[in-house]
Amino acid sequence: MIEHHKINGKDVWVEVIEQPAGRENPNTIPTEYFKARYYLAEPPSANAEWINNEDGEPQLFESPVAALTFATKKLMNTI
């Protein structure tokens, strides 16, 4: 899912991608996480940047809404 936003007067596209949890027991919740990346030009022609955690790895979220909300708030402070 990709959503177009206007953040601080700039066009930004935020993409939320499903990430399987990879648990040994498939009945353990959550079975999937979500991660987000953003584009400063219309995809797919632009390079994407991941929303990373403090270790430099893509941040994992428990829902697409949480990923999108966190990404847009973080981008409001960085672009």
PDB file of N, CA and C in Angstrom:
ATOM      1  N   MET A   1       0.839  -1.158   0.000  1.00  0.00           N
ATOM      2  CA  MET A   1       0.000   0.000   0.000  1.00  0.00           C
ATOM      3  C   MET A   1       0.898   1.238   0.000  1.00  0.00           C
ATOM      4  N   ILE A   2       0.625   2.154  -0.920  1.00  0.00           N
ATOM      5  CA  ILE A   2       1.355   3.418  -0.997  1.00  0.00           C
ATOM      6  C   ILE A   2       0.349   4.553  -0.882  1.00  0.00           C
ATOM      7  N   GLU A   3       0.657   5.502   0.008  1.00  0.00           N
ATOM      8  CA  GLU A   3      -0.199   6.674   0.178  1.00  0.00           C
ATOM      9  C   GLU A   3       0.601   7.931  -0.100  1.00  0.00           C
ATOM     10  N   HIS A   4      -0.033   8.860  -0.795  1.00  0.00           N
ATOM     11  CA  HIS A   4       0.577  10.151  -1.091  1.00  0.00           C
ATOM     12  C   HIS A   4       0.192  11.147   0.002  1.00  0.00           C
ATOM     13  N   HIS A   5       1.183  11.874   0.509  1.00  0.00           N
ATOM     14  CA  HIS A   5       0.948  12.874   1.550  1.00  0.00           C
ATOM     15  C   HIS A   5       1.658  14.167   1.169  1.00  0.00           C
ATOM     16  N   LYS A   6       1.189  15.238   1.699  1.00  0.00           N
ATOM     17  CA  LYS A   6       1.852  16.536   1.589  1.00  0.00           C
ATOM     18  C   LYS A   6       2.363  16.834   2.992  1.00  0.00           C
ATOM     19  N   ILE A   7       3.685  16.780   3.189  1.00  0.00           N
ATOM     20  CA  ILE A   7       4.289  16.982   4.503  1.00  0.00           C
ATOM     21  C   ILE A   7       5.234  18.171   4.422  1.00  0.00           C
ATOM     22  N   ASN A   8       4.978  19.159   5.249  1.00  0.00           N
ATOM     23  CA  ASN A   8       5.780  20.391   5.256  1.00  0.00           C
ATOM     24  C   ASN A   8       5.892  20.978   3.850  1.00  0.00           C
ATOM     25  N   GLY A   9       4.806  20.903   3.086  1.00  0.00           N
ATOM     26  CA  GLY A   9       4.770  21.459   1.743  1.00  0.00           C
ATOM     27  C   GLY A   9       5.406  20.607   0.670  1.00  0.00           C
ATOM     28  N   LYS A  10       5.888  19.416   1.030  1.00  0.00           N
ATOM     29  CA  LYS A  10       6.540  18.537   0.059  1.00  0.00           C
ATOM     30  C   LYS A  10       5.677  17.316  -0.215  1.00  0.00           C
ATOM     31  N   ASP A  11       5.727  16.829  -1.446  1.00  0.00           N
ATOM     32  CA  ASP A  11       5.057  15.582  -1.789  1.00  0.00           C
ATOM     33  C   ASP A  11       5.884  14.421  -1.285  1.00  0.00           C
ATOM     34  N   VAL A  12       5.234  13.522  -0.554  1.00  0.00           N
ATOM     35  CA  VAL A  12       5.895  12.338   0.004  1.00  0.00           C
ATOM     36  C   VAL A  12       4.961  11.152  -0.200  1.00  0.00           C
ATOM     37  N   TRP A  13       5.534  10.039  -0.615  1.00  0.00           N
ATOM     38  CA  TRP A  13       4.770   8.805  -0.746  1.00  0.00           C
ATOM     39  C   TRP A  13       5.289   7.837   0.306  1.00  0.00           C
ATOM     40  N   VAL A  14       4.383   7.302   1.111  1.00  0.00           N
ATOM     41  CA  VAL A  14       4.746   6.361   2.173  1.00  0.00           C
ATOM     42  C   VAL A  14       4.185   4.996   1.786  1.00  0.00           C
ATOM     43  N   GLU A  15       5.064   4.009   1.780  1.00  0.00           N
ATOM     44  CA  GLU A  15       4.683   2.640   1.432  1.00  0.00           C
ATOM     45  C   GLU A  15       4.782   1.765   2.678  1.00  0.00           C
ATOM     46  N   VAL A  16       3.747   0.996   2.932  1.00  0.00           N
ATOM     47  CA  VAL A  16       3.735   0.053   4.050  1.00  0.00           C
ATOM     48  C   VAL A  16       3.798  -1.350   3.460  1.00  0.00           C
ATOM     49  N   ILE A  17       4.731  -2.153   3.969  1.00  0.00           N
ATOM     50  CA  ILE A  17       4.991  -3.487   3.431  1.00  0.00           C
ATOM     51  C   ILE A  17       4.868  -4.518   4.546  1.00  0.00           C
ATOM     52  N   GLU A  18       4.215  -5.622   4.237  1.00  0.00           N
ATOM     53  CA  GLU A  18       4.056  -6.727   5.192  1.00  0.00           C
ATOM     54  C   GLU A  18       5.385  -7.455   5.358  1.00  0.00           C
ATOM     55  N   GLN A  19       5.696  -7.806   6.609  1.00  0.00           N
ATOM     56  CA  GLN A  19       6.908  -8.557   6.937  1.00  0.00           C
ATOM     57  C   GLN A  19       6.492  -9.764   7.773  1.00  0.00           C
ATOM     58  N   PRO A  20       6.570 -10.989   7.234  1.00  0.00           N
ATOM     59  CA  PRO A  20       6.208 -12.161   8.034  1.00  0.00           C
ATOM     60  C   PRO A  20       7.062 -12.234   9.304  1.00  0.00           C
ATOM     61  N   ALA A  21       6.443 -12.651  10.404  1.00  0.00           N
ATOM     62  CA  ALA A  21       7.147 -12.714  11.689  1.00  0.00           C
ATOM     63  C   ALA A  21       8.147 -13.852  11.723  1.00  0.00           C
ATOM     64  N   GLY A  22       7.908 -14.918  10.959  1.00  0.00           N
ATOM     65  CA  GLY A  22       8.861 -16.026  10.899  1.00  0.00           C
ATOM     66  C   GLY A  22       8.968 -16.800  12.195  1.00  0.00           C
ATOM     67  N   ARG A  23       7.871 -17.007  12.855  1.00  0.00           N
ATOM     68  CA  ARG A  23       7.874 -17.734  14.124  1.00  0.00           C
ATOM     69  C   ARG A  23       7.871 -19.245  13.878  1.00  0.00           C
ATOM     70  N   GLU A  24       8.475 -19.998  14.822  1.00  0.00           N
ATOM     71  CA  GLU A  24       8.469 -21.459  14.720  1.00  0.00           C
ATOM     72  C   GLU A  24       7.051 -22.002  14.774  1.00  0.00           C
ATOM     73  N   ASN A  25       6.228 -21.435  15.654  1.00  0.00           N
ATOM     74  CA  ASN A  25       4.831 -21.839  15.769  1.00  0.00           C
ATOM     75  C   ASN A  25       3.981 -20.808  15.021  1.00  0.00           C
ATOM     76  N   PRO A  26       3.347 -21.200  13.902  1.00  0.00           N
ATOM     77  CA  PRO A  26       2.570 -20.231  13.121  1.00  0.00           C
ATOM     78  C   PRO A  26       1.325 -19.711  13.848  1.00  0.00           C
ATOM     79  N   ASN A  27       0.976 -20.303  14.991  1.00  0.00           N
ATOM     80  CA  ASN A  27      -0.178 -19.847  15.758  1.00  0.00           C
ATOM     81  C   ASN A  27       0.171 -18.763  16.774  1.00  0.00           C
ATOM     82  N   THR A  28       1.454 -18.419  16.879  1.00  0.00           N
ATOM     83  CA  THR A  28       1.890 -17.367  17.795  1.00  0.00           C
ATOM     84  C   THR A  28       1.597 -16.007  17.174  1.00  0.00           C
ATOM     85  N   ILE A  29       0.968 -15.150  17.948  1.00  0.00           N
ATOM     86  CA  ILE A  29       0.592 -13.826  17.472  1.00  0.00           C
ATOM     87  C   ILE A  29       1.649 -12.817  17.903  1.00  0.00           C
ATOM     88  N   PRO A  30       2.022 -11.845  17.102  1.00  0.00           N
ATOM     89  CA  PRO A  30       1.555 -11.619  15.744  1.00  0.00           C
ATOM     90  C   PRO A  30       2.256 -12.534  14.748  1.00  0.00           C
ATOM     91  N   THR A  31       1.579 -12.850  13.680  1.00  0.00           N
ATOM     92  CA  THR A  31       2.154 -13.683  12.627  1.00  0.00           C
ATOM     93  C   THR A  31       2.843 -12.839  11.568  1.00  0.00           C
ATOM     94  N   GLU A  32       2.610 -11.534  11.611  1.00  0.00           N
ATOM     95  CA  GLU A  32       3.242 -10.624  10.665  1.00  0.00           C
ATOM     96  C   GLU A  32       3.460  -9.257  11.314  1.00  0.00           C
ATOM     97  N   TYR A  33       4.425  -8.575  10.776  1.00  0.00           N
ATOM     98  CA  TYR A  33       4.693  -7.196  11.143  1.00  0.00           C
ATOM     99  C   TYR A  33       4.601  -6.358   9.878  1.00  0.00           C
ATOM    100  N   PHE A  34       4.780  -5.071  10.035  1.00  0.00           N
ATOM    101  CA  PHE A  34       4.762  -4.163   8.901  1.00  0.00           C
ATOM    102  C   PHE A  34       5.930  -3.211   9.022  1.00  0.00           C
ATOM    103  N   LYS A  35       6.491  -2.832   7.890  1.00  0.00           N
ATOM    104  CA  LYS A  35       7.560  -1.841   7.872  1.00  0.00           C
ATOM    105  C   LYS A  35       7.194  -0.782   6.841  1.00  0.00           C
ATOM    106  N   ALA A  36       7.843   0.374   6.943  1.00  0.00           N
ATOM    107  CA  ALA A  36       7.485   1.493   6.081  1.00  0.00           C
ATOM    108  C   ALA A  36       8.728   2.095   5.434  1.00  0.00           C
ATOM    109  N   ARG A  37       8.522   2.582   4.227  1.00  0.00           N
ATOM    110  CA  ARG A  37       9.557   3.347   3.544  1.00  0.00           C
ATOM    111  C   ARG A  37       8.887   4.510   2.842  1.00  0.00           C
ATOM    112  N   TYR A  38       9.675   5.509   2.488  1.00  0.00           N
ATOM    113  CA  TYR A  38       9.101   6.705   1.874  1.00  0.00           C
ATOM    114  C   TYR A  38       9.890   7.102   0.638  1.00  0.00           C
ATOM    115  N   TYR A  39       9.190   7.801  -0.236  1.00  0.00           N
ATOM    116  CA  TYR A  39       9.747   8.321  -1.482  1.00  0.00           C
ATOM    117  C   TYR A  39       9.539   9.833  -1.501  1.00  0.00           C
ATOM    118  N   LEU A  40      10.522  10.568  -2.005  1.00  0.00           N
ATOM    119  CA  LEU A  40      10.390  12.010  -2.153  1.00  0.00           C
ATOM    120  C   LEU A  40      10.023  12.399  -3.584  1.00  0.00           C
ATOM    121  N   ALA A  41       9.879  11.417  -4.451  1.00  0.00           N
ATOM    122  CA  ALA A  41       9.373  11.592  -5.810  1.00  0.00           C
ATOM    123  C   ALA A  41       8.432  10.422  -6.069  1.00  0.00           C
ATOM    124  N   GLU A  42       7.570  10.579  -7.049  1.00  0.00           N
ATOM    125  CA  GLU A  42       6.550   9.565  -7.283  1.00  0.00           C
ATOM    126  C   GLU A  42       7.174   8.205  -7.599  1.00  0.00           C
ATOM    127  N   PRO A  43       6.793   7.166  -6.847  1.00  0.00           N
ATOM    128  CA  PRO A  43       7.308   5.834  -7.123  1.00  0.00           C
ATOM    129  C   PRO A  43       6.702   5.297  -8.411  1.00  0.00           C
ATOM    130  N   PRO A  44       7.313   4.389  -9.070  1.00  0.00           N
ATOM    131  CA  PRO A  44       8.541   3.671  -8.694  1.00  0.00           C
ATOM    132  C   PRO A  44       9.812   4.321  -9.208  1.00  0.00           C
ATOM    133  N   SER A  45       9.721   5.515  -9.770  1.00  0.00           N
ATOM    134  CA  SER A  45      10.883   6.148 -10.382  1.00  0.00           C
ATOM    135  C   SER A  45      11.906   6.675  -9.376  1.00  0.00           C
ATOM    136  N   ALA A  46      11.552   6.731  -8.121  1.00  0.00           N
ATOM    137  CA  ALA A  46      12.443   7.300  -7.104  1.00  0.00           C
ATOM    138  C   ALA A  46      13.006   6.214  -6.185  1.00  0.00           C
ATOM    139  N   ASN A  47      14.089   6.545  -5.519  1.00  0.00           N
ATOM    140  CA  ASN A  47      14.649   5.651  -4.509  1.00  0.00           C
ATOM    141  C   ASN A  47      13.890   5.824  -3.205  1.00  0.00           C
ATOM    142  N   ALA A  48      13.702   4.732  -2.505  1.00  0.00           N
ATOM    143  CA  ALA A  48      12.987   4.763  -1.230  1.00  0.00           C
ATOM    144  C   ALA A  48      13.971   4.733  -0.073  1.00  0.00           C
ATOM    145  N   GLU A  49      13.553   5.334   1.024  1.00  0.00           N
ATOM    146  CA  GLU A  49      14.320   5.310   2.276  1.00  0.00           C
ATOM    147  C   GLU A  49      13.463   4.606   3.322  1.00  0.00           C
ATOM    148  N   TRP A  50      14.044   3.656   4.044  1.00  0.00           N
ATOM    149  CA  TRP A  50      13.320   2.941   5.098  1.00  0.00           C
ATOM    150  C   TRP A  50      13.179   3.815   6.332  1.00  0.00           C
ATOM    151  N   ILE A  51      12.108   3.611   7.057  1.00  0.00           N
ATOM    152  CA  ILE A  51      11.957   4.169   8.404  1.00  0.00           C
ATOM    153  C   ILE A  51      12.659   3.162   9.315  1.00  0.00           C
ATOM    154  N   ASN A  52      13.808   3.548   9.846  1.00  0.00           N
ATOM    155  CA  ASN A  52      14.646   2.622  10.602  1.00  0.00           C
ATOM    156  C   ASN A  52      14.528   2.819  12.110  1.00  0.00           C
ATOM    157  N   ASN A  53      14.883   1.753  12.843  1.00  0.00           N
ATOM    158  CA  ASN A  53      14.954   1.829  14.298  1.00  0.00           C
ATOM    159  C   ASN A  53      16.333   2.357  14.698  1.00  0.00           C
ATOM    160  N   GLU A  54      16.607   2.390  15.980  1.00  0.00           N
ATOM    161  CA  GLU A  54      17.878   2.937  16.464  1.00  0.00           C
ATOM    162  C   GLU A  54      19.093   2.105  16.063  1.00  0.00           C
ATOM    163  N   ASP A  55      18.885   0.848  15.648  1.00  0.00           N
ATOM    164  CA  ASP A  55      19.982  -0.013  15.192  1.00  0.00           C
ATOM    165  C   ASP A  55      20.222   0.094  13.694  1.00  0.00           C
ATOM    166  N   GLY A  56      19.437   0.930  13.012  1.00  0.00           N
ATOM    167  CA  GLY A  56      19.601   1.100  11.573  1.00  0.00           C
ATOM    168  C   GLY A  56      18.851   0.073  10.737  1.00  0.00           C
ATOM    169  N   GLU A  57      18.068  -0.768  11.385  1.00  0.00           N
ATOM    170  CA  GLU A  57      17.255  -1.771  10.686  1.00  0.00           C
ATOM    171  C   GLU A  57      15.845  -1.220  10.487  1.00  0.00           C
ATOM    172  N   PRO A  58      15.119  -1.699   9.468  1.00  0.00           N
ATOM    173  CA  PRO A  58      13.742  -1.227   9.301  1.00  0.00           C
ATOM    174  C   PRO A  58      12.905  -1.468  10.562  1.00  0.00           C
ATOM    175  N   GLN A  59      12.238  -0.417  11.013  1.00  0.00           N
ATOM    176  CA  GLN A  59      11.372  -0.479  12.192  1.00  0.00           C
ATOM    177  C   GLN A  59      10.192  -1.394  11.886  1.00  0.00           C
ATOM    178  N   LEU A  60       9.848  -2.289  12.817  1.00  0.00           N
ATOM    179  CA  LEU A  60       8.698  -3.183  12.648  1.00  0.00           C
ATOM    180  C   LEU A  60       7.521  -2.669  13.465  1.00  0.00           C
ATOM    181  N   PHE A  61       6.336  -2.742  12.871  1.00  0.00           N
ATOM    182  CA  PHE A  61       5.103  -2.273  13.497  1.00  0.00           C
ATOM    183  C   PHE A  61       4.086  -3.402  13.501  1.00  0.00           C
ATOM    184  N   GLU A  62       3.149  -3.353  14.443  1.00  0.00           N
ATOM    185  CA  GLU A  62       2.154  -4.410  14.558  1.00  0.00           C
ATOM    186  C   GLU A  62       0.947  -4.218  13.661  1.00  0.00           C
ATOM    187  N   SER A  63       0.819  -3.050  13.032  1.00  0.00           N
ATOM    188  CA  SER A  63      -0.300  -2.834  12.115  1.00  0.00           C
ATOM    189  C   SER A  63       0.130  -1.857  11.022  1.00  0.00           C
ATOM    190  N   PRO A  64      -0.564  -1.900   9.882  1.00  0.00           N
ATOM    191  CA  PRO A  64      -0.260  -0.925   8.840  1.00  0.00           C
ATOM    192  C   PRO A  64      -0.550   0.508   9.284  1.00  0.00           C
ATOM    193  N   VAL A  65      -1.576   0.684  10.103  1.00  0.00           N
ATOM    194  CA  VAL A  65      -1.923   2.015  10.602  1.00  0.00           C
ATOM    195  C   VAL A  65      -0.806   2.554  11.488  1.00  0.00           C
ATOM    196  N   ALA A  66      -0.259   1.715  12.353  1.00  0.00           N
ATOM    197  CA  ALA A  66       0.843   2.137  13.222  1.00  0.00           C
ATOM    198  C   ALA A  66       2.065   2.523  12.394  1.00  0.00           C
ATOM    199  N   ALA A  67       2.352   1.769  11.354  1.00  0.00           N
ATOM    200  CA  ALA A  67       3.498   2.066  10.487  1.00  0.00           C
ATOM    201  C   ALA A  67       3.303   3.394   9.776  1.00  0.00           C
ATOM    202  N   LEU A  68       2.135   3.609   9.219  1.00  0.00           N
ATOM    203  CA  LEU A  68       1.845   4.842   8.489  1.00  0.00           C
ATOM    204  C   LEU A  68       1.854   6.052   9.415  1.00  0.00           C
ATOM    205  N   THR A  69       1.265   5.918  10.588  1.00  0.00           N
ATOM    206  CA  THR A  69       1.223   7.019  11.547  1.00  0.00           C
ATOM    207  C   THR A  69       2.621   7.404  12.009  1.00  0.00           C
ATOM    208  N   PHE A  70       3.429   6.411  12.383  1.00  0.00           N
ATOM    209  CA  PHE A  70       4.788   6.672  12.839  1.00  0.00           C
ATOM    210  C   PHE A  70       5.612   7.324  11.732  1.00  0.00           C
ATOM    211  N   ALA A  71       5.495   6.795  10.517  1.00  0.00           N
ATOM    212  CA  ALA A  71       6.282   7.319   9.396  1.00  0.00           C
ATOM    213  C   ALA A  71       5.940   8.778   9.110  1.00  0.00           C
ATOM    214  N   THR A  72       4.664   9.098   9.067  1.00  0.00           N
ATOM    215  CA  THR A  72       4.291  10.482   8.755  1.00  0.00           C
ATOM    216  C   THR A  72       4.715  11.440   9.868  1.00  0.00           C
ATOM    217  N   LYS A  73       4.592  11.022  11.114  1.00  0.00           N
ATOM    218  CA  LYS A  73       5.042  11.879  12.222  1.00  0.00           C
ATOM    219  C   LYS A  73       6.554  12.096  12.178  1.00  0.00           C
ATOM    220  N   LYS A  74       7.299  11.020  11.898  1.00  0.00           N
ATOM    221  CA  LYS A  74       8.752  11.137  11.834  1.00  0.00           C
ATOM    222  C   LYS A  74       9.161  12.044  10.670  1.00  0.00           C
ATOM    223  N   LEU A  75       8.489  11.906   9.543  1.00  0.00           N
ATOM    224  CA  LEU A  75       8.830  12.730   8.383  1.00  0.00           C
ATOM    225  C   LEU A  75       8.504  14.206   8.615  1.00  0.00           C
ATOM    226  N   MET A  76       7.499  14.493   9.408  1.00  0.00           N
ATOM    227  CA  MET A  76       7.173  15.888   9.729  1.00  0.00           C
ATOM    228  C   MET A  76       8.330  16.577  10.432  1.00  0.00           C
ATOM    229  N   ASN A  77       9.141  15.799  11.154  1.00  0.00           N
ATOM    230  CA  ASN A  77      10.270  16.355  11.895  1.00  0.00           C
ATOM    231  C   ASN A  77      11.588  16.295  11.138  1.00  0.00           C
ATOM    232  N   THR A  78      11.615  15.589   9.987  1.00  0.00           N
ATOM    233  CA  THR A  78      12.892  15.396   9.309  1.00  0.00           C
ATOM    234  C   THR A  78      12.985  15.999   7.916  1.00  0.00           C
ATOM    235  N   ILE A  79      11.829  16.293   7.289  1.00  0.00           N
ATOM    236  CA  ILE A  79      11.939  16.878   5.930  1.00  0.00           C
ATOM    237  C   ILE A  79      11.365  18.272   5.907  1.00  0.00           C
TER     238      ILE A  79
END
